[in-house]
Protein backbone atom coordinates (compact mmCIF):
# COMPACT_ATOMS: atom_id res chain seq x y z
CA MET A 1 -22.99 56.26 5.46
CA THR A 2 -21.61 55.43 8.91
CA TYR A 3 -24.29 52.73 9.24
CA MET A 4 -23.39 51.16 5.92
CA LEU A 5 -19.68 51.18 6.91
CA ALA A 6 -20.43 49.60 10.23
CA ARG A 7 -22.59 46.88 8.76
CA GLN A 8 -20.11 45.92 6.10
CA THR A 9 -17.29 45.87 8.67
CA LEU A 10 -19.36 43.56 11.01
CA ARG A 11 -20.20 41.36 8.07
CA ASN A 12 -16.49 40.89 7.25
CA LEU A 13 -15.64 40.29 10.91
CA GLU A 14 -18.43 37.75 11.43
CA ILE A 15 -17.29 35.80 8.40
CA PHE A 16 -13.74 35.59 9.83
CA LEU A 17 -14.78 34.68 13.36
CA LYS A 18 -17.22 31.90 12.18
CA ASP A 19 -14.43 30.18 10.22
CA LYS A 20 -12.75 28.13 13.01
CA ALA A 21 -10.13 26.69 10.67
CA ASN A 22 -9.13 30.22 9.67
CA ILE A 23 -8.72 31.23 13.35
CA PHE A 24 -6.60 28.08 13.98
CA PHE A 25 -4.31 28.97 11.14
CA ALA A 26 -4.17 32.59 12.27
CA LEU A 27 -2.91 31.32 15.65
CA LEU A 28 -0.64 28.62 14.16
CA ALA A 29 2.58 30.71 14.39
CA PRO A 30 1.96 31.69 18.05
CA LEU A 31 1.15 28.06 18.84
CA ILE A 32 4.40 26.95 17.28
CA VAL A 33 6.28 29.49 19.50
CA LEU A 34 4.46 28.10 22.53
CA GLY A 35 5.08 24.50 21.47
CA LEU A 36 8.72 24.97 20.86
CA TYR A 37 9.14 26.68 24.24
CA ILE A 38 7.28 23.94 26.10
CA LEU A 39 9.12 21.05 24.32
CA PHE A 40 12.72 22.27 24.57
CA LEU A 41 13.44 25.99 24.08
CA GLY A 42 12.33 26.93 27.63
CA ARG A 43 14.45 24.29 29.25
CA ILE A 44 17.54 25.05 27.05
CA GLN A 45 17.35 28.82 27.68
CA THR A 46 16.76 28.56 31.39
CA ASP A 47 19.56 25.88 31.84
CA GLY A 48 21.93 27.99 29.73
CA ILE A 49 21.46 31.05 31.79
CA LEU A 50 21.75 29.11 35.05
CA SER A 51 25.00 27.43 33.76
CA SER A 52 26.43 30.91 33.05
CA LEU A 53 25.63 31.89 36.56
CA GLN A 54 27.20 28.76 38.05
CA ALA A 55 30.30 29.28 35.91
CA ALA A 56 30.57 32.70 37.50
CA GLY A 57 30.24 31.23 40.97
CA LEU A 58 26.67 32.50 41.57
CA GLU A 59 23.83 30.34 42.88
CA GLY A 60 20.07 30.73 43.17
CA GLY A 61 17.70 32.87 41.07
CA GLU A 62 15.97 29.94 39.37
CA ALA A 63 12.51 31.45 39.69
CA GLN A 64 13.60 34.80 38.31
CA ILE A 65 15.43 33.15 35.39
CA ARG A 66 12.49 30.95 34.60
CA ALA A 67 10.15 34.02 34.75
CA PHE A 68 12.59 35.82 32.36
CA THR A 69 12.37 33.07 29.72
CA VAL A 70 8.65 32.64 30.09
CA SER A 71 8.17 36.40 29.59
CA TRP A 72 10.37 36.24 26.46
CA MET A 73 8.27 33.46 25.10
CA LEU A 74 4.94 35.22 25.71
CA ALA A 75 6.26 38.42 24.03
CA GLY A 76 6.99 36.26 21.01
CA VAL A 77 3.49 34.78 21.10
CA LEU A 78 1.86 38.18 21.19
CA SER A 79 4.03 39.79 18.58
CA SER A 80 3.31 36.81 16.14
CA THR A 81 -0.42 37.05 16.86
CA CYS A 82 -0.44 40.71 15.91
CA ILE A 83 0.80 39.70 12.43
CA THR A 84 -0.80 36.37 11.60
CA VAL A 85 -4.35 37.19 12.71
CA PRO A 86 -4.64 40.39 10.59
CA LEU A 87 -3.11 38.39 7.65
CA CYS A 88 -5.75 35.65 7.88
CA ALA A 89 -8.47 38.28 8.27
CA CYS A 90 -7.34 39.74 4.95
CA GLY A 91 -8.49 36.46 3.31
CA ILE A 92 -12.02 37.88 3.22
CA MET A 93 -10.83 40.40 0.56
CA VAL A 94 -9.56 37.70 -1.63
CA GLN A 95 -12.68 35.52 -1.21
CA ASP A 96 -15.00 38.37 -2.09
CA ARG A 97 -12.91 39.20 -5.18
CA LYS A 98 -13.16 35.62 -6.36
CA ARG A 99 -16.89 35.39 -5.77
CA GLY A 100 -17.57 38.61 -7.60
CA ILE A 101 -18.80 40.44 -4.47
CA CYS A 102 -16.20 43.21 -4.98
CA ALA A 103 -17.58 43.80 -8.49
CA ASP A 104 -21.10 43.98 -7.07
CA LEU A 105 -20.02 46.53 -4.57
CA LEU A 106 -18.36 48.61 -7.20
CA ALA A 107 -21.58 48.54 -9.18
CA SER A 108 -23.74 49.52 -6.14
CA PRO A 109 -24.57 53.15 -5.40
CA VAL A 110 -22.09 53.45 -2.47
CA PRO A 111 -18.79 55.30 -2.43
CA ARG A 112 -15.90 53.22 -3.67
CA TRP A 113 -13.83 53.89 -0.63
CA LEU A 114 -16.42 52.36 1.67
CA SER A 115 -15.81 48.73 0.95
CA GLN A 116 -12.01 49.22 1.26
CA ALA A 117 -12.46 51.00 4.60
CA ALA A 118 -14.76 48.23 5.77
CA TYR A 119 -12.13 45.56 4.90
CA PHE A 120 -9.43 47.55 6.79
CA LEU A 121 -11.59 48.11 9.85
CA SER A 122 -12.58 44.41 9.98
CA VAL A 123 -8.99 43.32 9.74
CA VAL A 124 -8.08 45.62 12.66
CA ALA A 125 -11.15 44.43 14.63
CA ALA A 126 -10.22 40.83 14.07
CA GLY A 127 -6.61 41.48 15.16
CA LEU A 128 -7.84 43.27 18.30
CA VAL A 129 -10.45 40.70 19.26
CA ILE A 130 -8.18 37.65 18.93
CA GLY A 131 -5.12 39.65 20.19
CA LEU A 132 -6.89 40.76 23.40
CA ALA A 133 -7.91 37.18 24.03
CA VAL A 134 -4.36 35.92 23.61
CA PHE A 135 -3.12 38.85 25.77
CA ALA A 136 -5.48 37.80 28.52
CA VAL A 137 -4.18 34.21 28.26
CA CYS A 138 -0.56 35.54 28.51
CA LEU A 139 -1.39 37.43 31.71
CA VAL A 140 -3.07 34.36 33.20
CA TRP A 141 -0.03 32.27 32.27
CA LEU A 142 2.34 34.64 33.98
CA ALA A 143 0.28 34.73 37.13
CA ALA A 144 -0.29 30.95 37.23
CA SER A 145 3.34 30.12 36.62
CA GLY A 146 4.67 32.41 39.36
CA SER A 147 6.32 34.68 36.72
CA TRP A 148 4.37 37.83 37.36
CA PHE A 149 6.70 40.71 37.71
CA LEU A 150 4.72 43.24 35.78
CA THR A 151 3.61 46.63 37.05
CA ALA A 152 0.34 48.36 36.04
CA ALA A 153 2.40 50.53 33.75
CA ASP A 154 3.88 47.41 32.02
CA VAL A 155 0.38 45.93 31.49
CA PHE A 156 -1.04 49.12 29.95
CA GLY A 157 2.18 49.58 27.92
CA ALA A 158 1.82 46.10 26.51
CA LEU A 159 -1.83 46.73 25.76
CA GLY A 160 -0.94 49.93 23.83
CA THR A 161 1.67 47.97 21.95
CA LEU A 162 -0.93 45.42 21.01
CA VAL A 163 -3.19 48.15 19.50
CA LEU A 164 -0.34 49.85 17.69
CA SER A 165 1.07 46.54 16.34
CA VAL A 166 -2.34 45.46 15.02
CA LEU A 167 -2.71 48.79 13.25
CA SER A 168 0.69 48.55 11.72
CA SER A 169 0.16 44.91 10.50
CA ALA A 170 -3.29 45.73 9.18
CA THR A 171 -2.16 48.73 7.10
CA LEU A 172 0.75 46.78 5.64
CA LEU A 173 -1.19 43.58 4.92
CA VAL A 174 -4.27 45.16 3.49
CA PHE A 175 -1.98 47.10 1.11
CA VAL A 176 -0.22 43.94 0.05
CA VAL A 177 -3.17 41.60 -0.19
CA ALA A 178 -5.07 44.10 -2.31
CA PHE A 179 -2.70 43.19 -5.16
CA LEU A 180 -3.32 39.40 -4.87
CA LYS A 181 -5.98 38.13 -7.37
CA THR A 182 -6.30 34.44 -6.47
CA GLU A 183 -6.80 32.41 -3.31
CA GLY A 184 -3.76 30.32 -4.23
CA ALA A 185 -1.53 33.45 -4.17
CA PHE A 186 -2.96 34.48 -0.78
CA THR A 187 -2.41 30.97 0.56
CA GLY A 188 1.16 31.08 -0.52
CA LEU A 189 1.67 34.39 1.20
CA ASN A 190 0.02 33.06 4.32
CA VAL A 191 2.21 29.99 4.40
CA ILE A 192 5.46 31.78 3.76
CA LEU A 193 4.85 34.61 6.07
CA GLY A 194 3.49 32.47 8.88
CA THR A 195 6.59 30.23 8.58
CA VAL A 196 9.30 32.86 8.54
CA ILE A 197 7.88 35.75 10.57
CA GLY A 198 8.70 34.11 13.92
CA PHE A 199 12.42 34.07 12.93
CA PHE A 200 12.57 37.64 11.68
CA ILE A 201 10.93 39.10 14.83
CA GLY A 202 13.03 37.00 17.21
CA ALA A 203 10.09 34.83 18.46
CA TYR A 204 11.91 31.49 18.05
CA MET A 205 15.38 32.69 19.10
CA PRO A 206 16.92 35.98 19.94
CA VAL A 207 17.79 38.17 16.97
CA SER A 208 21.26 38.66 18.51
CA MET A 209 22.01 35.05 17.46
CA PHE A 210 21.61 35.86 13.78
CA PRO A 211 24.39 37.03 11.44
CA ALA A 212 24.72 40.85 11.25
CA GLY A 213 23.21 41.03 7.84
CA ILE A 214 19.96 39.30 8.96
CA GLN A 215 19.83 41.42 12.09
CA TYR A 216 19.94 44.55 9.92
CA PHE A 217 17.28 43.08 7.62
CA THR A 218 14.94 42.61 10.61
CA LEU A 219 15.01 46.37 11.08
CA PHE A 220 12.87 46.74 7.99
CA VAL A 221 10.17 44.34 9.41
CA PRO A 222 7.67 46.42 11.44
CA GLY A 223 6.94 43.28 13.63
CA SER A 224 10.52 43.50 14.97
CA TYR A 225 9.63 46.75 16.71
CA SER A 226 6.47 45.24 17.97
CA ALA A 227 8.33 42.33 19.45
CA GLY A 228 10.93 44.56 20.92
CA MET A 229 8.30 46.64 22.77
CA PHE A 230 6.52 43.51 24.07
CA ARG A 231 9.83 42.18 25.37
CA ASN A 232 10.53 45.42 27.28
CA PHE A 233 7.15 45.49 28.99
CA PHE A 234 7.01 41.79 29.78
CA MET A 235 10.69 41.29 30.74
CA ARG A 236 11.95 44.42 32.47
CA GLY A 237 10.34 43.48 35.83
CA THR A 238 12.28 40.22 35.84
CA LEU A 239 15.44 41.98 34.70
CA GLU A 240 15.21 44.32 37.70
CA LYS A 241 14.95 41.25 40.02
CA ILE A 242 17.91 39.61 38.30
CA SER A 243 19.87 42.86 38.58
CA ASP A 244 19.19 42.93 42.28
CA LEU A 245 20.34 39.37 42.69
CA PHE A 246 23.34 39.16 40.41
CA GLY A 247 24.27 42.80 39.62
CA ALA A 248 23.50 45.24 36.82
CA PRO A 249 26.24 43.98 34.42
CA PHE A 250 24.73 40.50 34.20
CA ALA A 251 21.23 41.90 33.71
CA GLU A 252 22.47 44.29 31.01
CA SER A 253 24.12 41.38 29.27
CA LEU A 254 20.90 39.36 29.30
CA ALA A 255 19.02 42.43 27.96
CA GLN A 256 21.39 42.70 25.09
CA GLN A 257 21.42 39.04 24.35
CA TYR A 258 17.62 38.92 24.22
CA THR A 259 17.36 42.20 22.22
CA LEU A 260 15.30 44.29 24.56
CA SER A 261 16.85 47.17 22.62
CA LEU A 262 17.38 46.98 18.87
CA ASN A 263 20.73 47.75 17.17
CA PHE A 264 19.73 50.30 14.53
CA PHE A 265 22.85 50.33 12.40
CA GLY A 266 25.09 50.87 15.44
CA THR A 267 22.64 52.79 17.63
CA ASP A 268 20.63 51.04 20.35
CA ILE A 269 16.99 52.15 20.26
CA GLY A 270 14.43 51.71 23.02
CA ILE A 271 10.67 51.86 23.43
CA PRO A 272 9.98 55.39 22.19
CA VAL A 273 11.85 54.93 18.94
CA MET A 274 10.26 51.52 18.39
CA ALA A 275 6.77 53.04 18.89
CA ALA A 276 7.61 55.86 16.44
CA MET A 277 8.74 53.20 13.85
CA LEU A 278 5.44 51.45 14.22
CA ALA A 279 3.47 54.64 13.96
CA ALA A 280 5.43 55.56 10.91
CA SER A 281 4.60 52.23 9.25
CA VAL A 282 0.89 52.89 9.92
CA LEU A 283 1.15 56.29 8.16
CA LEU A 284 3.32 55.02 5.30
CA PHE A 285 1.34 51.99 4.32
CA GLY A 286 -2.02 53.65 5.11
CA ALA A 287 -1.13 56.42 2.64
CA ALA A 288 0.21 53.81 0.10
CA GLY A 289 -3.05 51.80 0.46
CA ALA A 290 -5.22 54.86 -0.02
CA ILE A 291 -3.32 55.89 -3.12
CA ALA A 292 -3.49 52.37 -4.57
CA ALA A 293 -7.21 52.12 -3.89
CA TYR A 294 -7.77 55.51 -5.61
CA VAL A 295 -5.78 54.33 -8.70
CA ARG A 296 -7.79 51.18 -8.89
CA ALA A 297 -11.01 53.08 -8.58
CA LYS A 298 -9.96 55.36 -11.43
CA SER A 299 -9.08 52.41 -13.63
CA HIS A 300 -12.47 50.86 -13.06
CA LYS A 301 -14.16 54.02 -14.08
CA ASN A 302 -12.25 54.09 -17.33
């Protein structure tokens, strides 16, 4: 049984990894974040912070401020990757349903749960494989740009965030995509989610810039907690340097503006609560997906 599960999981993963166009679209949202930063967002944010310093009569710190904005951008790239890659990997489920492969699996002498478990595991595996590659690129970018202020604890913390974020996205998206019957519906979901997710998790601009209602709405998006954790691990080293240079009040103001902590209906929450929220989403949507799969299996028997 374990062998059959592993083989079907590898089959799904291989189909995803061989489709270069699918991988490109999976990385489209992170590439948009990167492109916007390179074209104008990076310069605007860096110049804006430096202007605030100059208005306060403070000089210097350009390297630290640039490292701060680079770290913010890379946190957005990673958090977007943890959502869009699992989403595109879910496309295998829809393709198999259209081609009748799902019906063949249901008619075969294997447990009904095995194919669903294989889809989920392949989505997680795809998210981890591509996510780890993007994570490595982000670390190289930080080092090459002179923006490396991470400790070993920050690196391992970000790595743990990557794993938890992929699990959270996979459980949610596998649950949702299981209800889609056509490739057109999946394409629509892919386009819509890939377009708006960067805004809701604060990858294009800090969530603090949104109206209060939208800020509260983002609290119901698991990816917001993923982005918040990545920002903390990637940016707190630069914040400590900025605090040493310009004082703790200025650093705290930057942390609030760039939402290193999330305002949960009037209460600021940090890394432990964000991690708990992501873990809770894994349990919630994992249980919901298992129940939905059981109901579908019963209906097929009848």
